[in-house]
């Protein structure tokens, strides 16, 4: 009895409010220390450049002329000019169309189909199939762009033209005749692997017992997909939509190497429009920064929308 009561008293002394509070503060301190490197990188590479871009957008900073030496504060003049520029709205529309068709539709559909095929028990050569789907991620963006530029080259030298001509569809100058469609196809090819990885991880969490029970109850493959599988991975789908929308807004190198925004601004995404205004001729860094700030704001709006949708319903 005395030993038990002594042990209980010791345990009570150890679990005093002061010791509990100190333990919580120590855990908070440890977590904060682990977060310091990530916060430092976020500050250096995201927050500081964003704040600097906002400041530059409020000036007439340029690379040439008098404004290059002594830029002046012009307030919201760059934004007034931007929202009155029809080329800006054209680039915004092209960017939204590019994101919707290549990422939200194209990469989503093909990535989901690839994940479903790999997840099927009866699928053979899964390692070879998944490896081939991951190859686009292993190719650097610039190398992939030049590879597709060679494949889409006009005349008999282009690989795509050889295939279409052998199929009886003739030859085309793909980057001139169908520029937006061409870069959409290239971006779909580039992003299928990322979508497939996310959906494969989500499908692994779907209980097979539920799917098998639905099959026993008479549900066909389409009903199991739309009424069981997709609803159970909906949060992974929305997470993918968030990531792909934000990252596709920043696509630059792939499209710039292929078309440089042409022909006749047919593929001038917001990133390319910003580049042309900042470095392509007028060298107006202030105006280009205003384009970048608006692009960031639009991306944040998409992010807030997806985060709101992702919020669990209680």
C-alpha atoms as a PDB file:
ATOM      1  CA  UNK A   1       0.000   0.000   0.000  1.00  0.00           C
ATOM      2  CA  UNK A   2       2.781   2.448   0.936  1.00  0.00           C
ATOM      3  CA  UNK A   3       4.694   1.666  -2.266  1.00  0.00           C
ATOM      4  CA  UNK A   4       1.581   2.158  -4.401  1.00  0.00           C
ATOM      5  CA  UNK A   5       0.647   5.380  -2.665  1.00  0.00           C
ATOM      6  CA  UNK A   6       4.232   6.627  -3.015  1.00  0.00           C
ATOM      7  CA  UNK A   7       4.224   5.882  -6.742  1.00  0.00           C
ATOM      8  CA  UNK A   8       0.889   7.658  -7.135  1.00  0.00           C
ATOM      9  CA  UNK A   9       2.175  10.680  -5.286  1.00  0.00           C
ATOM     10  CA  UNK A  10       5.298  10.775  -7.481  1.00  0.00           C
ATOM     11  CA  UNK A  11       3.164  10.581 -10.618  1.00  0.00           C
ATOM     12  CA  UNK A  12       0.968  13.395  -9.362  1.00  0.00           C
ATOM     13  CA  UNK A  13       4.009  15.551  -8.630  1.00  0.00           C
ATOM     14  CA  UNK A  14       5.327  14.923 -12.131  1.00  0.00           C
ATOM     15  CA  UNK A  15       1.994  15.895 -13.753  1.00  0.00           C
ATOM     16  CA  UNK A  16       1.635  19.285 -12.101  1.00  0.00           C
ATOM     17  CA  UNK A  17       0.152  22.130 -14.195  1.00  0.00           C
ATOM     18  CA  UNK A  18       3.554  23.834 -14.308  1.00  0.00           C
ATOM     19  CA  UNK A  19       5.308  20.750 -15.733  1.00  0.00           C
ATOM     20  CA  UNK A  20       2.488  20.188 -18.248  1.00  0.00           C
ATOM     21  CA  UNK A  21       2.710  23.793 -19.442  1.00  0.00           C
ATOM     22  CA  UNK A  22       6.502  23.537 -19.741  1.00  0.00           C
ATOM     23  CA  UNK A  23       6.163  20.307 -21.755  1.00  0.00           C
ATOM     24  CA  UNK A  24       3.743  21.978 -24.162  1.00  0.00           C
ATOM     25  CA  UNK A  25       6.003  25.021 -24.554  1.00  0.00           C
ATOM     26  CA  UNK A  26       8.952  22.741 -25.276  1.00  0.00           C
ATOM     27  CA  UNK A  27       6.991  20.829 -27.915  1.00  0.00           C
ATOM     28  CA  UNK A  28       5.907  24.113 -29.503  1.00  0.00           C
ATOM     29  CA  UNK A  29       9.517  25.314 -29.507  1.00  0.00           C
ATOM     30  CA  UNK A  30      10.728  22.104 -31.153  1.00  0.00           C
ATOM     31  CA  UNK A  31       8.042  22.354 -33.850  1.00  0.00           C
ATOM     32  CA  UNK A  32       8.949  25.993 -34.443  1.00  0.00           C
ATOM     33  CA  UNK A  33      12.630  25.089 -34.826  1.00  0.00           C
ATOM     34  CA  UNK A  34      11.755  22.439 -37.414  1.00  0.00           C
ATOM     35  CA  UNK A  35       9.697  25.022 -39.311  1.00  0.00           C
ATOM     36  CA  UNK A  36      12.467  27.637 -39.395  1.00  0.00           C
ATOM     37  CA  UNK A  37      14.216  26.307 -42.563  1.00  0.00           C
ATOM     38  CA  UNK A  38      10.927  26.083 -44.485  1.00  0.00           C
ATOM     39  CA  UNK A  39       9.850  29.543 -43.322  1.00  0.00           C
ATOM     40  CA  UNK A  40      13.260  30.969 -44.253  1.00  0.00           C
ATOM     41  CA  UNK A  41      13.041  29.523 -47.777  1.00  0.00           C
ATOM     42  CA  UNK A  42       9.444  30.728 -48.108  1.00  0.00           C
ATOM     43  CA  UNK A  43      10.453  34.218 -47.018  1.00  0.00           C
ATOM     44  CA  UNK A  44      13.499  34.465 -49.271  1.00  0.00           C
ATOM     45  CA  UNK A  45      12.041  32.950 -52.428  1.00  0.00           C
ATOM     46  CA  UNK A  46       8.312  33.821 -52.184  1.00  0.00           C
ATOM     47  CA  UNK A  47       7.407  36.597 -49.746  1.00  0.00           C
ATOM     48  CA  UNK A  48      10.310  38.973 -50.398  1.00  0.00           C
ATOM     49  CA  UNK A  49      10.099  38.718 -54.237  1.00  0.00           C
ATOM     50  CA  UNK A  50       6.321  39.171 -54.073  1.00  0.00           C
ATOM     51  CA  UNK A  51       6.601  42.298 -51.907  1.00  0.00           C
ATOM     52  CA  UNK A  52       9.345  43.639 -54.156  1.00  0.00           C
ATOM     53  CA  UNK A  53       7.236  42.984 -57.286  1.00  0.00           C
ATOM     54  CA  UNK A  54       4.318  44.865 -55.721  1.00  0.00           C
ATOM     55  CA  UNK A  55       6.602  47.805 -54.984  1.00  0.00           C
ATOM     56  CA  UNK A  56       8.091  47.823 -58.511  1.00  0.00           C
ATOM     57  CA  UNK A  57       4.573  47.702 -59.977  1.00  0.00           C
ATOM     58  CA  UNK A  58       3.870  51.049 -58.307  1.00  0.00           C
ATOM     59  CA  UNK A  59       6.818  52.716 -60.066  1.00  0.00           C
ATOM     60  CA  UNK A  60       7.852  53.451 -63.642  1.00  0.00           C
ATOM     61  CA  UNK A  61      10.972  51.275 -63.314  1.00  0.00           C
ATOM     62  CA  UNK A  62      12.479  50.397 -66.703  1.00  0.00           C
ATOM     63  CA  UNK A  63      15.665  48.936 -68.118  1.00  0.00           C
ATOM     64  CA  UNK A  64      16.287  51.825 -70.487  1.00  0.00           C
ATOM     65  CA  UNK A  65      15.821  55.575 -70.400  1.00  0.00           C
ATOM     66  CA  UNK A  66      15.687  57.961 -67.479  1.00  0.00           C
ATOM     67  CA  UNK A  67      13.517  55.602 -65.411  1.00  0.00           C
ATOM     68  CA  UNK A  68      16.330  53.065 -65.352  1.00  0.00           C
ATOM     69  CA  UNK A  69      18.474  55.381 -63.207  1.00  0.00           C
ATOM     70  CA  UNK A  70      15.828  57.121 -61.121  1.00  0.00           C
ATOM     71  CA  UNK A  71      12.412  55.411 -61.164  1.00  0.00           C
ATOM     72  CA  UNK A  72       9.458  57.459 -59.950  1.00  0.00           C
ATOM     73  CA  UNK A  73       6.528  56.394 -57.828  1.00  0.00           C
ATOM     74  CA  UNK A  74       3.436  56.417 -60.064  1.00  0.00           C
ATOM     75  CA  UNK A  75       0.882  54.745 -57.800  1.00  0.00           C
ATOM     76  CA  UNK A  76      -1.711  52.691 -59.626  1.00  0.00           C
ATOM     77  CA  UNK A  77      -1.000  54.104 -63.102  1.00  0.00           C
ATOM     78  CA  UNK A  78       0.398  50.771 -64.297  1.00  0.00           C
ATOM     79  CA  UNK A  79      -2.751  48.976 -63.159  1.00  0.00           C
ATOM     80  CA  UNK A  80      -5.033  51.537 -64.831  1.00  0.00           C
ATOM     81  CA  UNK A  81      -3.120  51.080 -68.052  1.00  0.00           C
ATOM     82  CA  UNK A  82      -3.168  47.307 -67.647  1.00  0.00           C
ATOM     83  CA  UNK A  83      -6.932  47.049 -67.167  1.00  0.00           C
ATOM     84  CA  UNK A  84      -7.459  49.262 -70.214  1.00  0.00           C
ATOM     85  CA  UNK A  85      -5.219  47.078 -72.419  1.00  0.00           C
ATOM     86  CA  UNK A  86      -7.101  44.647 -74.659  1.00  0.00           C
ATOM     87  CA  UNK A  87      -3.932  42.570 -75.089  1.00  0.00           C
ATOM     88  CA  UNK A  88      -3.981  41.844 -71.356  1.00  0.00           C
ATOM     89  CA  UNK A  89      -7.523  40.477 -71.480  1.00  0.00           C
ATOM     90  CA  UNK A  90      -6.605  38.447 -74.550  1.00  0.00           C
ATOM     91  CA  UNK A  91      -3.644  36.902 -72.710  1.00  0.00           C
ATOM     92  CA  UNK A  92      -5.789  36.257 -69.630  1.00  0.00           C
ATOM     93  CA  UNK A  93      -8.387  34.448 -71.733  1.00  0.00           C
ATOM     94  CA  UNK A  94      -5.701  32.398 -73.517  1.00  0.00           C
ATOM     95  CA  UNK A  95      -4.195  31.451 -70.139  1.00  0.00           C
ATOM     96  CA  UNK A  96      -7.551  30.354 -68.713  1.00  0.00           C
ATOM     97  CA  UNK A  97      -8.314  28.333 -71.852  1.00  0.00           C
ATOM     98  CA  UNK A  98      -4.856  26.757 -71.723  1.00  0.00           C
ATOM     99  CA  UNK A  99      -5.247  25.830 -68.046  1.00  0.00           C
ATOM    100  CA  UNK A 100      -8.749  24.437 -68.451  1.00  0.00           C
ATOM    101  CA  UNK A 101      -8.117  22.309 -71.531  1.00  0.00           C
ATOM    102  CA  UNK A 102      -4.607  21.091 -70.762  1.00  0.00           C
ATOM    103  CA  UNK A 103      -4.640  20.647 -66.973  1.00  0.00           C
ATOM    104  CA  UNK A 104      -8.167  20.554 -65.580  1.00  0.00           C
ATOM    105  CA  UNK A 105      -9.481  18.417 -68.461  1.00  0.00           C
ATOM    106  CA  UNK A 106      -6.596  16.793 -70.353  1.00  0.00           C
ATOM    107  CA  UNK A 107      -4.150  15.890 -67.597  1.00  0.00           C
ATOM    108  CA  UNK A 108      -6.973  14.992 -65.231  1.00  0.00           C
ATOM    109  CA  UNK A 109      -8.655  12.570 -67.653  1.00  0.00           C
ATOM    110  CA  UNK A 110      -5.502  10.868 -68.920  1.00  0.00           C
ATOM    111  CA  UNK A 111      -3.879  10.792 -65.475  1.00  0.00           C
ATOM    112  CA  UNK A 112      -6.987   9.265 -63.907  1.00  0.00           C
ATOM    113  CA  UNK A 113      -7.303   6.669 -66.675  1.00  0.00           C
ATOM    114  CA  UNK A 114      -3.628   5.731 -66.269  1.00  0.00           C
ATOM    115  CA  UNK A 115      -4.026   5.417 -62.489  1.00  0.00           C
ATOM    116  CA  UNK A 116      -7.145   3.280 -62.855  1.00  0.00           C
ATOM    117  CA  UNK A 117      -5.400   0.962 -65.331  1.00  0.00           C
ATOM    118  CA  UNK A 118      -2.397   0.529 -63.057  1.00  0.00           C
ATOM    119  CA  UNK A 119      -4.642  -0.026 -60.039  1.00  0.00           C
ATOM    120  CA  UNK A 120      -6.506  -2.876 -61.749  1.00  0.00           C
ATOM    121  CA  UNK A 121      -5.320  -6.299 -60.485  1.00  0.00           C
ATOM    122  CA  UNK A 122      -5.576  -7.833 -63.972  1.00  0.00           C
ATOM    123  CA  UNK A 123      -3.347  -5.209 -65.630  1.00  0.00           C
ATOM    124  CA  UNK A 124      -0.087  -6.718 -66.834  1.00  0.00           C
ATOM    125  CA  UNK A 125       3.353  -5.092 -67.078  1.00  0.00           C
ATOM    126  CA  UNK A 126       2.425  -2.446 -64.512  1.00  0.00           C
ATOM    127  CA  UNK A 127       6.038  -1.459 -63.890  1.00  0.00           C
ATOM    128  CA  UNK A 128       6.726  -0.894 -67.587  1.00  0.00           C
ATOM    129  CA  UNK A 129       3.475   1.013 -68.086  1.00  0.00           C
ATOM    130  CA  UNK A 130       3.957   3.276 -65.068  1.00  0.00           C
ATOM    131  CA  UNK A 131       7.614   3.841 -65.967  1.00  0.00           C
ATOM    132  CA  UNK A 132       6.711   4.949 -69.472  1.00  0.00           C
ATOM    133  CA  UNK A 133       4.113   7.353 -68.059  1.00  0.00           C
ATOM    134  CA  UNK A 134       6.729   8.862 -65.719  1.00  0.00           C
ATOM    135  CA  UNK A 135       9.251   9.545 -68.483  1.00  0.00           C
ATOM    136  CA  UNK A 136       7.989  13.094 -69.231  1.00  0.00           C
ATOM    137  CA  UNK A 137       8.863  14.139 -65.668  1.00  0.00           C
ATOM    138  CA  UNK A 138      12.451  12.974 -66.182  1.00  0.00           C
ATOM    139  CA  UNK A 139      12.942  15.247 -69.215  1.00  0.00           C
ATOM    140  CA  UNK A 140      13.885  18.888 -68.440  1.00  0.00           C
ATOM    141  CA  UNK A 141      11.320  21.420 -69.610  1.00  0.00           C
ATOM    142  CA  UNK A 142      13.557  23.076 -72.212  1.00  0.00           C
ATOM    143  CA  UNK A 143      14.693  19.740 -73.607  1.00  0.00           C
ATOM    144  CA  UNK A 144      11.072  18.593 -73.844  1.00  0.00           C
ATOM    145  CA  UNK A 145      10.152  21.818 -75.659  1.00  0.00           C
ATOM    146  CA  UNK A 146      12.884  21.385 -78.277  1.00  0.00           C
ATOM    147  CA  UNK A 147      11.958  17.718 -78.640  1.00  0.00           C
ATOM    148  CA  UNK A 148       8.351  18.649 -79.447  1.00  0.00           C
ATOM    149  CA  UNK A 149       9.497  21.486 -81.708  1.00  0.00           C
ATOM    150  CA  UNK A 150      11.362  18.887 -83.745  1.00  0.00           C
ATOM    151  CA  UNK A 151       8.377  16.521 -83.780  1.00  0.00           C
ATOM    152  CA  UNK A 152       5.984  19.296 -84.833  1.00  0.00           C
ATOM    153  CA  UNK A 153       8.329  20.712 -87.478  1.00  0.00           C
ATOM    154  CA  UNK A 154       6.738  21.483 -90.864  1.00  0.00           C
ATOM    155  CA  UNK A 155       7.340  19.353 -93.915  1.00  0.00           C
ATOM    156  CA  UNK A 156       8.550  15.785 -94.100  1.00  0.00           C
ATOM    157  CA  UNK A 157      11.117  16.314 -91.334  1.00  0.00           C
ATOM    158  CA  UNK A 158       8.474  16.467 -88.613  1.00  0.00           C
ATOM    159  CA  UNK A 159       7.619  13.182 -86.918  1.00  0.00           C
ATOM    160  CA  UNK A 160       3.963  14.141 -86.500  1.00  0.00           C
ATOM    161  CA  UNK A 161       3.707  15.018 -90.200  1.00  0.00           C
ATOM    162  CA  UNK A 162       5.126  11.641 -91.147  1.00  0.00           C
ATOM    163  CA  UNK A 163       2.512   9.913 -89.018  1.00  0.00           C
ATOM    164  CA  UNK A 164      -0.400  11.993 -90.310  1.00  0.00           C
ATOM    165  CA  UNK A 165       0.721  11.638 -93.913  1.00  0.00           C
ATOM    166  CA  UNK A 166       0.995   7.870 -93.581  1.00  0.00           C
ATOM    167  CA  UNK A 167      -2.549   7.877 -92.156  1.00  0.00           C
ATOM    168  CA  UNK A 168      -3.811   9.918 -95.113  1.00  0.00           C
ATOM    169  CA  UNK A 169      -4.348  13.283 -93.319  1.00  0.00           C
ATOM    170  CA  UNK A 170      -1.599  15.234 -95.073  1.00  0.00           C
ATOM    171  CA  UNK A 171       1.003  17.565 -93.620  1.00  0.00           C
ATOM    172  CA  UNK A 172       0.618  20.718 -91.534  1.00  0.00           C
ATOM    173  CA  UNK A 173       2.716  23.414 -89.962  1.00  0.00           C
ATOM    174  CA  UNK A 174       1.350  22.539 -86.547  1.00  0.00           C
ATOM    175  CA  UNK A 175       2.812  25.446 -84.574  1.00  0.00           C
ATOM    176  CA  UNK A 176       1.439  27.913 -87.134  1.00  0.00           C
ATOM    177  CA  UNK A 177      -1.866  26.319 -88.129  1.00  0.00           C
ATOM    178  CA  UNK A 178      -2.919  24.969 -84.692  1.00  0.00           C
ATOM    179  CA  UNK A 179      -0.644  26.756 -82.190  1.00  0.00           C
ATOM    180  CA  UNK A 180      -2.889  26.711 -79.117  1.00  0.00           C
ATOM    181  CA  UNK A 181      -3.947  23.105 -79.681  1.00  0.00           C
ATOM    182  CA  UNK A 182      -0.297  22.114 -80.109  1.00  0.00           C
ATOM    183  CA  UNK A 183       0.871  23.611 -76.803  1.00  0.00           C
ATOM    184  CA  UNK A 184      -2.177  22.137 -75.038  1.00  0.00           C
ATOM    185  CA  UNK A 185      -1.228  18.649 -76.262  1.00  0.00           C
ATOM    186  CA  UNK A 186       2.388  19.169 -75.195  1.00  0.00           C
ATOM    187  CA  UNK A 187       1.365  20.344 -71.724  1.00  0.00           C
ATOM    188  CA  UNK A 188      -1.003  17.383 -71.341  1.00  0.00           C
ATOM    189  CA  UNK A 189       1.862  15.027 -72.175  1.00  0.00           C
ATOM    190  CA  UNK A 190       4.059  16.877 -69.707  1.00  0.00           C
ATOM    191  CA  UNK A 191       1.643  16.680 -66.769  1.00  0.00           C
ATOM    192  CA  UNK A 192       0.036  13.236 -67.043  1.00  0.00           C
ATOM    193  CA  UNK A 193       2.638  11.680 -64.748  1.00  0.00           C
ATOM    194  CA  UNK A 194       1.969  14.142 -61.916  1.00  0.00           C
ATOM    195  CA  UNK A 195      -1.781  13.528 -62.091  1.00  0.00           C
ATOM    196  CA  UNK A 196      -1.244   9.769 -62.241  1.00  0.00           C
ATOM    197  CA  UNK A 197       0.924   9.760 -59.098  1.00  0.00           C
ATOM    198  CA  UNK A 198      -1.659  11.690 -57.061  1.00  0.00           C
ATOM    199  CA  UNK A 199      -4.559   9.514 -58.241  1.00  0.00           C
ATOM    200  CA  UNK A 200      -2.632   6.270 -57.704  1.00  0.00           C
ATOM    201  CA  UNK A 201      -1.988   7.262 -54.085  1.00  0.00           C
ATOM    202  CA  UNK A 202      -5.674   8.122 -53.659  1.00  0.00           C
ATOM    203  CA  UNK A 203      -6.901   4.873 -55.231  1.00  0.00           C
ATOM    204  CA  UNK A 204      -4.734   2.860 -52.849  1.00  0.00           C
ATOM    205  CA  UNK A 205      -6.835   4.249 -49.989  1.00  0.00           C
ATOM    206  CA  UNK A 206     -10.148   3.095 -51.469  1.00  0.00           C
ATOM    207  CA  UNK A 207     -11.244  -0.047 -49.566  1.00  0.00           C
ATOM    208  CA  UNK A 208     -11.450  -2.967 -51.988  1.00  0.00           C
ATOM    209  CA  UNK A 209     -14.145  -4.508 -49.819  1.00  0.00           C
ATOM    210  CA  UNK A 210     -16.522  -1.664 -50.675  1.00  0.00           C
ATOM    211  CA  UNK A 211     -15.861  -1.983 -54.405  1.00  0.00           C
ATOM    212  CA  UNK A 212     -16.242  -5.773 -54.285  1.00  0.00           C
ATOM    213  CA  UNK A 213     -19.473  -5.482 -52.296  1.00  0.00           C
ATOM    214  CA  UNK A 214     -20.880  -3.105 -54.906  1.00  0.00           C
ATOM    215  CA  UNK A 215     -19.863  -5.535 -57.635  1.00  0.00           C
ATOM    216  CA  UNK A 216     -21.635  -8.374 -55.829  1.00  0.00           C
ATOM    217  CA  UNK A 217     -24.746  -6.182 -55.551  1.00  0.00           C
ATOM    218  CA  UNK A 218     -24.794  -5.843 -59.337  1.00  0.00           C
ATOM    219  CA  UNK A 219     -23.060  -2.482 -59.905  1.00  0.00           C
ATOM    220  CA  UNK A 220     -21.206  -2.372 -63.217  1.00  0.00           C
ATOM    221  CA  UNK A 221     -17.798  -0.768 -63.770  1.00  0.00           C
ATOM    222  CA  UNK A 222     -19.204   2.656 -64.673  1.00  0.00           C
ATOM    223  CA  UNK A 223     -21.457   2.729 -61.599  1.00  0.00           C
ATOM    224  CA  UNK A 224     -18.608   1.666 -59.319  1.00  0.00           C
ATOM    225  CA  UNK A 225     -16.400   4.402 -60.775  1.00  0.00           C
ATOM    226  CA  UNK A 226     -18.869   7.298 -60.554  1.00  0.00           C
ATOM    227  CA  UNK A 227     -20.728   6.317 -57.387  1.00  0.00           C
ATOM    228  CA  UNK A 228     -17.956   4.801 -55.266  1.00  0.00           C
ATOM    229  CA  UNK A 229     -14.403   5.429 -56.476  1.00  0.00           C
ATOM    230  CA  UNK A 230     -14.603   9.067 -57.553  1.00  0.00           C
ATOM    231  CA  UNK A 231     -16.624  10.253 -54.519  1.00  0.00           C
ATOM    232  CA  UNK A 232     -14.126   8.565 -52.205  1.00  0.00           C
ATOM    233  CA  UNK A 233     -11.134  10.291 -53.811  1.00  0.00           C
ATOM    234  CA  UNK A 234     -12.831  13.657 -54.355  1.00  0.00           C
ATOM    235  CA  UNK A 235     -10.488  15.487 -51.963  1.00  0.00           C
ATOM    236  CA  UNK A 236      -7.448  14.169 -53.820  1.00  0.00           C
ATOM    237  CA  UNK A 237      -9.044  15.318 -57.078  1.00  0.00           C
ATOM    238  CA  UNK A 238      -9.622  18.806 -55.676  1.00  0.00           C
ATOM    239  CA  UNK A 239      -6.068  18.895 -54.314  1.00  0.00           C
ATOM    240  CA  UNK A 240      -4.778  18.006 -57.769  1.00  0.00           C
ATOM    241  CA  UNK A 241      -6.967  20.728 -59.313  1.00  0.00           C
ATOM    242  CA  UNK A 242      -5.499  23.268 -56.888  1.00  0.00           C
ATOM    243  CA  UNK A 243      -1.890  22.304 -57.588  1.00  0.00           C
ATOM    244  CA  UNK A 244      -2.226  22.009 -61.360  1.00  0.00           C
ATOM    245  CA  UNK A 245      -4.158  25.276 -61.730  1.00  0.00           C
ATOM    246  CA  UNK A 246      -1.599  27.300 -59.787  1.00  0.00           C
ATOM    247  CA  UNK A 247       1.445  25.684 -61.424  1.00  0.00           C
ATOM    248  CA  UNK A 248       0.035  25.895 -64.965  1.00  0.00           C
ATOM    249  CA  UNK A 249      -0.493  29.626 -64.493  1.00  0.00           C
ATOM    250  CA  UNK A 250       3.294  29.862 -64.239  1.00  0.00           C
ATOM    251  CA  UNK A 251       4.133  27.847 -67.374  1.00  0.00           C
ATOM    252  CA  UNK A 252       6.608  29.827 -69.458  1.00  0.00           C
ATOM    253  CA  UNK A 253       9.600  27.959 -70.880  1.00  0.00           C
ATOM    254  CA  UNK A 254       7.659  25.197 -72.607  1.00  0.00           C
ATOM    255  CA  UNK A 255       5.422  27.602 -74.538  1.00  0.00           C
ATOM    256  CA  UNK A 256       8.079  30.253 -75.135  1.00  0.00           C
ATOM    257  CA  UNK A 257      10.453  27.794 -76.795  1.00  0.00           C
ATOM    258  CA  UNK A 258       7.689  26.407 -79.011  1.00  0.00           C
ATOM    259  CA  UNK A 259       5.890  29.573 -80.142  1.00  0.00           C
ATOM    260  CA  UNK A 260       7.198  32.634 -78.213  1.00  0.00           C
ATOM    261  CA  UNK A 261       3.542  33.617 -77.853  1.00  0.00           C
ATOM    262  CA  UNK A 262       2.774  33.608 -81.583  1.00  0.00           C
ATOM    263  CA  UNK A 263       1.635  33.493 -84.203  1.00  0.00           C
ATOM    264  CA  UNK A 264      -0.246  36.792 -83.842  1.00  0.00           C
ATOM    265  CA  UNK A 265      -0.433  36.402 -80.028  1.00  0.00           C
ATOM    266  CA  UNK A 266      -2.379  33.133 -80.405  1.00  0.00           C
ATOM    267  CA  UNK A 267      -0.393  31.523 -77.573  1.00  0.00           C
ATOM    268  CA  UNK A 268       0.599  34.611 -75.579  1.00  0.00           C
ATOM    269  CA  UNK A 269      -0.072  33.442 -72.035  1.00  0.00           C
ATOM    270  CA  UNK A 270       0.082  35.933 -69.182  1.00  0.00           C
ATOM    271  CA  UNK A 271       3.626  34.834 -68.375  1.00  0.00           C
ATOM    272  CA  UNK A 272       4.751  35.472 -71.957  1.00  0.00           C
ATOM    273  CA  UNK A 273       2.834  38.765 -72.079  1.00  0.00           C
ATOM    274  CA  UNK A 274       4.648  39.797 -68.892  1.00  0.00           C
ATOM    275  CA  UNK A 275       7.995  38.801 -70.404  1.00  0.00           C
ATOM    276  CA  UNK A 276       7.353  40.781 -73.584  1.00  0.00           C
ATOM    277  CA  UNK A 277       6.446  43.894 -71.607  1.00  0.00           C
ATOM    278  CA  UNK A 278       9.399  43.562 -69.233  1.00  0.00           C
ATOM    279  CA  UNK A 279      12.200  42.326 -71.493  1.00  0.00           C
ATOM    280  CA  UNK A 280      10.874  41.917 -75.027  1.00  0.00           C
ATOM    281  CA  UNK A 281      11.135  45.469 -76.383  1.00  0.00           C
ATOM    282  CA  UNK A 282       9.710  48.192 -74.156  1.00  0.00           C
ATOM    283  CA  UNK A 283      11.666  47.005 -71.075  1.00  0.00           C
ATOM    284  CA  UNK A 284       9.006  48.359 -68.706  1.00  0.00           C
ATOM    285  CA  UNK A 285       9.685  46.517 -65.469  1.00  0.00           C
ATOM    286  CA  UNK A 286       7.021  48.445 -63.585  1.00  0.00           C
ATOM    287  CA  UNK A 287       4.292  47.515 -66.029  1.00  0.00           C
ATOM    288  CA  UNK A 288       5.534  43.920 -66.262  1.00  0.00           C
ATOM    289  CA  UNK A 289       5.508  43.679 -62.460  1.00  0.00           C
ATOM    290  CA  UNK A 290       1.897  44.862 -62.471  1.00  0.00           C
ATOM    291  CA  UNK A 291       1.065  41.970 -64.818  1.00  0.00           C
ATOM    292  CA  UNK A 292       2.847  39.599 -62.444  1.00  0.00           C
ATOM    293  CA  UNK A 293       0.966  40.919 -59.414  1.00  0.00           C
ATOM    294  CA  UNK A 294      -2.385  40.498 -61.173  1.00  0.00           C
ATOM    295  CA  UNK A 295      -1.390  36.964 -62.196  1.00  0.00           C
ATOM    296  CA  UNK A 296      -0.497  36.203 -58.585  1.00  0.00           C
ATOM    297  CA  UNK A 297      -3.833  37.626 -57.431  1.00  0.00           C
ATOM    298  CA  UNK A 298      -5.769  35.458 -59.914  1.00  0.00           C
ATOM    299  CA  UNK A 299      -3.821  32.398 -58.749  1.00  0.00           C
ATOM    300  CA  UNK A 300      -4.675  33.239 -55.135  1.00  0.00           C
ATOM    301  CA  UNK A 301      -8.355  33.486 -56.054  1.00  0.00           C
ATOM    302  CA  UNK A 302      -8.231  30.006 -57.557  1.00  0.00           C
ATOM    303  CA  UNK A 303      -6.359  28.761 -54.498  1.00  0.00           C
ATOM    304  CA  UNK A 304      -8.918  30.219 -52.088  1.00  0.00           C
ATOM    305  CA  UNK A 305     -11.742  28.690 -54.106  1.00  0.00           C
ATOM    306  CA  UNK A 306     -10.208  25.217 -54.001  1.00  0.00           C
ATOM    307  CA  UNK A 307      -9.316  25.523 -50.307  1.00  0.00           C
ATOM    308  CA  UNK A 308     -12.916  26.486 -49.540  1.00  0.00           C
ATOM    309  CA  UNK A 309     -14.181  23.501 -51.485  1.00  0.00           C
ATOM    310  CA  UNK A 310     -11.635  21.229 -49.808  1.00  0.00           C
ATOM    311  CA  UNK A 311     -12.785  22.321 -46.346  1.00  0.00           C
ATOM    312  CA  UNK A 312     -14.438  19.340 -44.647  1.00  0.00           C
ATOM    313  CA  UNK A 313     -18.184  19.624 -44.246  1.00  0.00           C
ATOM    314  CA  UNK A 314     -19.232  19.047 -40.621  1.00  0.00           C
END
